[in-house]
Amino acid sequence: MGRSPGKKGGKNNGGTGHWGNLTPLVLAGGGLKMGQVIGKSDAKGGAPSTDKYGPDNLIASIYQTLFDTNEARVAADLPANIGKIIGEGKPIRELHG
């Protein structure tokens, strides 16, 4: 969860609230393309100004990195929702360079 783009309760209070529109995330290893910043925010830091990625994109990136897509499709004991994410999910494309 990121922080709100503005101060809460006026300038004397000085705190920030939780903000779900933008969230920093750090990934390392796993065969993904590292050493990059993905995405930008608007000038106030309140909303994405580039493609918006969500938890479903992150999960698809992880699953598609961990599992062989062709093998996962034929695995009888794999839950259907996981198989669908592996086969049809939209990963964060910049991580798979």
C-alpha atoms as a PDB file:
ATOM      1  CA  MET A   1       0.000   0.000   0.000  1.00  0.00           C
ATOM      2  CA  GLY A   2       1.418   3.338  -0.986  1.00  0.00           C
ATOM      3  CA  ARG A   3       0.991   6.709   0.681  1.00  0.00           C
ATOM      4  CA  SER A   4      -1.557   9.352  -0.254  1.00  0.00           C
ATOM      5  CA  PRO A   5      -0.280  12.117  -2.514  1.00  0.00           C
ATOM      6  CA  GLY A   6      -1.252  14.899  -0.103  1.00  0.00           C
ATOM      7  CA  LYS A   7      -1.099  15.650   3.593  1.00  0.00           C
ATOM      8  CA  LYS A   8      -4.027  14.654   5.757  1.00  0.00           C
ATOM      9  CA  GLY A   9      -5.947  17.136   7.875  1.00  0.00           C
ATOM     10  CA  GLY A  10      -4.335  20.337   6.721  1.00  0.00           C
ATOM     11  CA  LYS A  11      -0.761  21.531   6.792  1.00  0.00           C
ATOM     12  CA  ASN A  12      -0.371  21.392  10.599  1.00  0.00           C
ATOM     13  CA  ASN A  13      -1.261  17.687  10.875  1.00  0.00           C
ATOM     14  CA  GLY A  14       1.373  16.586   8.363  1.00  0.00           C
ATOM     15  CA  GLY A  15       0.461  12.880   8.093  1.00  0.00           C
ATOM     16  CA  THR A  16      -0.345  10.874   5.005  1.00  0.00           C
ATOM     17  CA  GLY A  17      -2.891   8.122   4.612  1.00  0.00           C
ATOM     18  CA  HIS A  18      -2.778   4.772   2.887  1.00  0.00           C
ATOM     19  CA  TRP A  19      -3.251   4.940  -0.870  1.00  0.00           C
ATOM     20  CA  GLY A  20      -4.139   1.966  -3.038  1.00  0.00           C
ATOM     21  CA  ASN A  21      -3.849   3.697  -6.427  1.00  0.00           C
ATOM     22  CA  LEU A  22      -0.050   3.477  -6.455  1.00  0.00           C
ATOM     23  CA  THR A  23       2.124   1.013  -4.604  1.00  0.00           C
ATOM     24  CA  PRO A  24       5.882   0.563  -4.754  1.00  0.00           C
ATOM     25  CA  LEU A  25       7.021  -3.013  -5.232  1.00  0.00           C
ATOM     26  CA  VAL A  26      10.501  -4.519  -5.349  1.00  0.00           C
ATOM     27  CA  LEU A  27      11.193  -7.861  -7.056  1.00  0.00           C
ATOM     28  CA  ALA A  28      14.482  -9.716  -7.264  1.00  0.00           C
ATOM     29  CA  GLY A  29      15.678 -12.822  -9.056  1.00  0.00           C
ATOM     30  CA  GLY A  30      13.502 -15.548 -10.467  1.00  0.00           C
ATOM     31  CA  GLY A  31      14.786 -15.111 -14.005  1.00  0.00           C
ATOM     32  CA  LEU A  32      12.919 -11.845 -14.485  1.00  0.00           C
ATOM     33  CA  LYS A  33      14.452  -8.810 -16.172  1.00  0.00           C
ATOM     34  CA  MET A  34      15.862  -6.774 -13.276  1.00  0.00           C
ATOM     35  CA  GLY A  35      17.356  -3.302 -12.835  1.00  0.00           C
ATOM     36  CA  GLN A  36      14.470  -1.200 -14.062  1.00  0.00           C
ATOM     37  CA  VAL A  37      11.658   1.040 -12.925  1.00  0.00           C
ATOM     38  CA  ILE A  38       8.294   0.124 -14.391  1.00  0.00           C
ATOM     39  CA  GLY A  39       5.540   2.707 -14.596  1.00  0.00           C
ATOM     40  CA  LYS A  40       5.199   6.372 -13.733  1.00  0.00           C
ATOM     41  CA  SER A  41       2.783   8.416 -11.701  1.00  0.00           C
ATOM     42  CA  ASP A  42       1.123  11.708 -12.457  1.00  0.00           C
ATOM     43  CA  ALA A  43       2.726  14.924 -11.192  1.00  0.00           C
ATOM     44  CA  LYS A  44       0.991  14.646  -7.801  1.00  0.00           C
ATOM     45  CA  GLY A  45       1.867  10.979  -7.285  1.00  0.00           C
ATOM     46  CA  GLY A  46      -1.786  10.054  -7.010  1.00  0.00           C
ATOM     47  CA  ALA A  47      -2.509   7.992 -10.120  1.00  0.00           C
ATOM     48  CA  PRO A  48      -0.587   6.033 -12.755  1.00  0.00           C
ATOM     49  CA  SER A  49       0.267   7.925 -15.921  1.00  0.00           C
ATOM     50  CA  THR A  50       1.415   4.781 -17.754  1.00  0.00           C
ATOM     51  CA  ASP A  51      -0.109   1.297 -18.004  1.00  0.00           C
ATOM     52  CA  LYS A  52      -1.727   0.310 -14.720  1.00  0.00           C
ATOM     53  CA  TYR A  53      -0.737  -3.086 -13.306  1.00  0.00           C
ATOM     54  CA  GLY A  54      -2.581  -4.818 -10.514  1.00  0.00           C
ATOM     55  CA  PRO A  55      -2.254  -7.917  -8.355  1.00  0.00           C
ATOM     56  CA  ASP A  56      -3.562 -10.125 -11.180  1.00  0.00           C
ATOM     57  CA  ASN A  57      -0.672  -9.016 -13.404  1.00  0.00           C
ATOM     58  CA  LEU A  58       1.861  -9.729 -10.651  1.00  0.00           C
ATOM     59  CA  ILE A  59       0.404 -13.188 -10.023  1.00  0.00           C
ATOM     60  CA  ALA A  60       0.426 -13.975 -13.752  1.00  0.00           C
ATOM     61  CA  SER A  61       4.087 -12.879 -13.931  1.00  0.00           C
ATOM     62  CA  ILE A  62       5.053 -15.138 -11.027  1.00  0.00           C
ATOM     63  CA  TYR A  63       3.079 -18.169 -12.213  1.00  0.00           C
ATOM     64  CA  GLN A  64       4.233 -17.855 -15.807  1.00  0.00           C
ATOM     65  CA  THR A  65       7.833 -17.642 -14.594  1.00  0.00           C
ATOM     66  CA  LEU A  66       7.541 -20.627 -12.239  1.00  0.00           C
ATOM     67  CA  PHE A  67       5.497 -22.966 -14.426  1.00  0.00           C
ATOM     68  CA  ASP A  68       5.946 -24.207 -17.960  1.00  0.00           C
ATOM     69  CA  THR A  69       2.744 -23.007 -19.654  1.00  0.00           C
ATOM     70  CA  ASN A  70       2.389 -26.107 -21.814  1.00  0.00           C
ATOM     71  CA  GLU A  71       2.905 -28.498 -18.887  1.00  0.00           C
ATOM     72  CA  ALA A  72       0.467 -26.601 -16.659  1.00  0.00           C
ATOM     73  CA  ARG A  73      -2.334 -26.877 -19.208  1.00  0.00           C
ATOM     74  CA  VAL A  74      -2.254 -30.672 -19.117  1.00  0.00           C
ATOM     75  CA  ALA A  75      -1.706 -31.156 -15.377  1.00  0.00           C
ATOM     76  CA  ALA A  76      -4.847 -32.936 -14.150  1.00  0.00           C
ATOM     77  CA  ASP A  77      -4.382 -32.008 -10.482  1.00  0.00           C
ATOM     78  CA  LEU A  78      -3.803 -28.289 -11.064  1.00  0.00           C
ATOM     79  CA  PRO A  79      -6.742 -26.153  -9.837  1.00  0.00           C
ATOM     80  CA  ALA A  80      -8.612 -24.614 -12.773  1.00  0.00           C
ATOM     81  CA  ASN A  81      -8.183 -21.014 -11.582  1.00  0.00           C
ATOM     82  CA  ILE A  82      -4.403 -21.398 -11.383  1.00  0.00           C
ATOM     83  CA  GLY A  83      -4.293 -23.046 -14.797  1.00  0.00           C
ATOM     84  CA  LYS A  84      -6.275 -20.151 -16.231  1.00  0.00           C
ATOM     85  CA  ILE A  85      -3.865 -17.567 -14.757  1.00  0.00           C
ATOM     86  CA  ILE A  86      -0.875 -19.469 -16.145  1.00  0.00           C
ATOM     87  CA  GLY A  87      -2.412 -19.891 -19.583  1.00  0.00           C
ATOM     88  CA  GLU A  88      -4.357 -16.675 -20.018  1.00  0.00           C
ATOM     89  CA  GLY A  89      -3.107 -14.178 -17.409  1.00  0.00           C
ATOM     90  CA  LYS A  90      -1.445 -10.975 -18.554  1.00  0.00           C
ATOM     91  CA  PRO A  91       1.990 -10.699 -16.926  1.00  0.00           C
ATOM     92  CA  ILE A  92       3.908  -7.471 -16.434  1.00  0.00           C
ATOM     93  CA  ARG A  93       5.493  -7.413 -19.881  1.00  0.00           C
ATOM     94  CA  GLU A  94       8.553  -5.383 -18.875  1.00  0.00           C
ATOM     95  CA  LEU A  95       9.637  -8.141 -16.475  1.00  0.00           C
ATOM     96  CA  HIS A  96       9.836 -10.708 -19.234  1.00  0.00           C
ATOM     97  CA  GLY A  97      11.952  -8.522 -21.537  1.00  0.00           C
END
